[in-house]
Protein backbone atom coordinates (compact mmCIF):
# COMPACT_ATOMS: atom_id res chain seq x y z
CA UNK A 1 108.42 108.28 104.33
CA UNK A 2 109.60 108.02 100.74
CA UNK A 3 112.27 110.35 99.36
CA UNK A 4 111.35 111.86 95.98
CA UNK A 5 114.15 113.47 93.99
CA UNK A 6 113.04 115.75 91.16
CA UNK A 7 116.30 115.71 89.24
CA UNK A 8 115.61 118.60 86.85
CA UNK A 9 114.97 121.02 89.72
CA UNK A 10 117.43 119.44 92.17
CA UNK A 11 114.61 119.11 94.71
CA UNK A 12 114.45 116.30 97.25
CA UNK A 13 111.43 115.90 99.51
CA UNK A 14 110.14 113.22 101.85
CA UNK A 15 106.49 112.33 101.48
CA UNK A 16 104.10 109.85 103.12
CA UNK A 17 102.37 106.96 101.41
CA UNK A 18 99.38 108.08 99.33
CA UNK A 19 100.92 111.37 98.19
CA UNK A 20 100.44 111.96 94.46
CA UNK A 21 103.43 112.98 92.37
CA UNK A 22 101.38 116.01 91.30
CA UNK A 23 101.19 117.07 94.96
CA UNK A 24 104.95 116.60 95.29
CA UNK A 25 105.62 118.86 92.30
CA UNK A 26 103.15 121.56 93.34
CA UNK A 27 104.10 121.70 97.02
CA UNK A 28 107.85 121.66 96.35
CA UNK A 29 107.76 124.49 93.80
CA UNK A 30 109.04 122.29 90.99
CA UNK A 31 109.00 123.60 87.43
CA UNK A 32 106.88 120.64 86.28
CA UNK A 33 104.04 121.68 83.99
CA UNK A 34 100.49 120.39 84.25
CA UNK A 35 97.67 120.65 81.74
CA UNK A 36 94.37 118.86 82.24
CA UNK A 37 95.32 117.32 85.63
CA UNK A 38 93.12 114.30 84.84
CA UNK A 39 95.48 112.07 82.88
CA UNK A 40 94.38 112.89 79.36
CA UNK A 41 96.81 115.47 77.97
CA UNK A 42 100.19 113.84 78.92
CA UNK A 43 101.70 117.25 79.77
CA UNK A 44 102.99 115.87 83.08
CA UNK A 45 104.64 112.76 81.62
CA UNK A 46 107.99 112.04 83.28
CA UNK A 47 110.79 109.51 83.14
CA UNK A 48 111.04 107.51 86.36
CA UNK A 49 114.77 106.89 86.61
CA UNK A 50 114.47 104.69 89.70
CA UNK A 51 111.86 103.69 92.24
CA UNK A 52 109.01 102.98 89.83
CA UNK A 53 108.07 100.00 92.01
CA UNK A 54 107.26 102.46 94.81
CA UNK A 55 104.51 104.10 92.73
CA UNK A 56 100.90 103.05 92.34
CA UNK A 57 100.02 100.70 89.50
CA UNK A 58 99.03 102.27 86.19
CA UNK A 59 95.33 102.35 85.56
CA UNK A 60 93.76 101.93 82.11
CA UNK A 61 93.31 105.68 81.63
CA UNK A 62 97.01 106.37 82.22
CA UNK A 63 98.10 103.48 79.99
CA UNK A 64 95.97 104.76 77.10
CA UNK A 65 97.37 108.28 77.49
CA UNK A 66 100.96 107.00 77.62
CA UNK A 67 100.50 104.90 74.48
CA UNK A 68 100.18 108.20 72.61
CA UNK A 69 103.70 109.12 73.72
CA UNK A 70 105.18 105.72 72.89
CA UNK A 71 108.60 104.56 74.01
CA UNK A 72 109.34 102.35 77.01
CA UNK A 73 106.09 102.68 78.95
CA UNK A 74 107.55 100.93 82.00
CA UNK A 75 109.71 104.01 82.69
CA UNK A 76 107.14 106.72 81.90
CA UNK A 77 104.44 107.94 84.28
CA UNK A 78 101.96 110.78 84.49
CA UNK A 79 102.58 112.84 87.62
CA UNK A 80 98.85 113.49 88.02
CA UNK A 81 98.00 109.77 87.96
CA UNK A 82 100.74 108.24 90.12
CA UNK A 83 101.09 108.17 93.88
CA UNK A 84 103.45 106.73 96.49
CA UNK A 85 102.35 103.24 97.52
CA UNK A 86 105.10 102.43 100.07
CA UNK A 87 106.38 104.00 103.25
CA UNK A 88 110.12 103.91 102.49
CA UNK A 89 112.52 104.09 99.57
CA UNK A 90 113.58 106.60 96.94
CA UNK A 91 111.97 107.71 93.68
CA UNK A 92 114.06 109.65 91.14
CA UNK A 93 112.21 111.55 88.40
CA UNK A 94 113.32 113.49 85.33
CA UNK A 95 110.94 115.62 83.28
CA UNK A 96 112.77 115.07 79.99
CA UNK A 97 111.46 112.14 78.00
């Protein structure tokens, strides 16, 4: 299982491979906001402080949405579009961009 630390809420949870970051936020009671839930509005954009390599690859839809935000796209993900792709490690996320 992968440990996910939601820094802004001081929440740490262990989740299995395949779990979306949206599921992590919703099930843990995190204060993360969601809008469209389909990767178009960028409301759930987060800064992945560490463990980005443990998340699924960005698809074209997510990349296009993130280009609107700008900045270092390698450290920014949409919670609704990313999921855990490994079975061990730690992901640290901050909501502030």
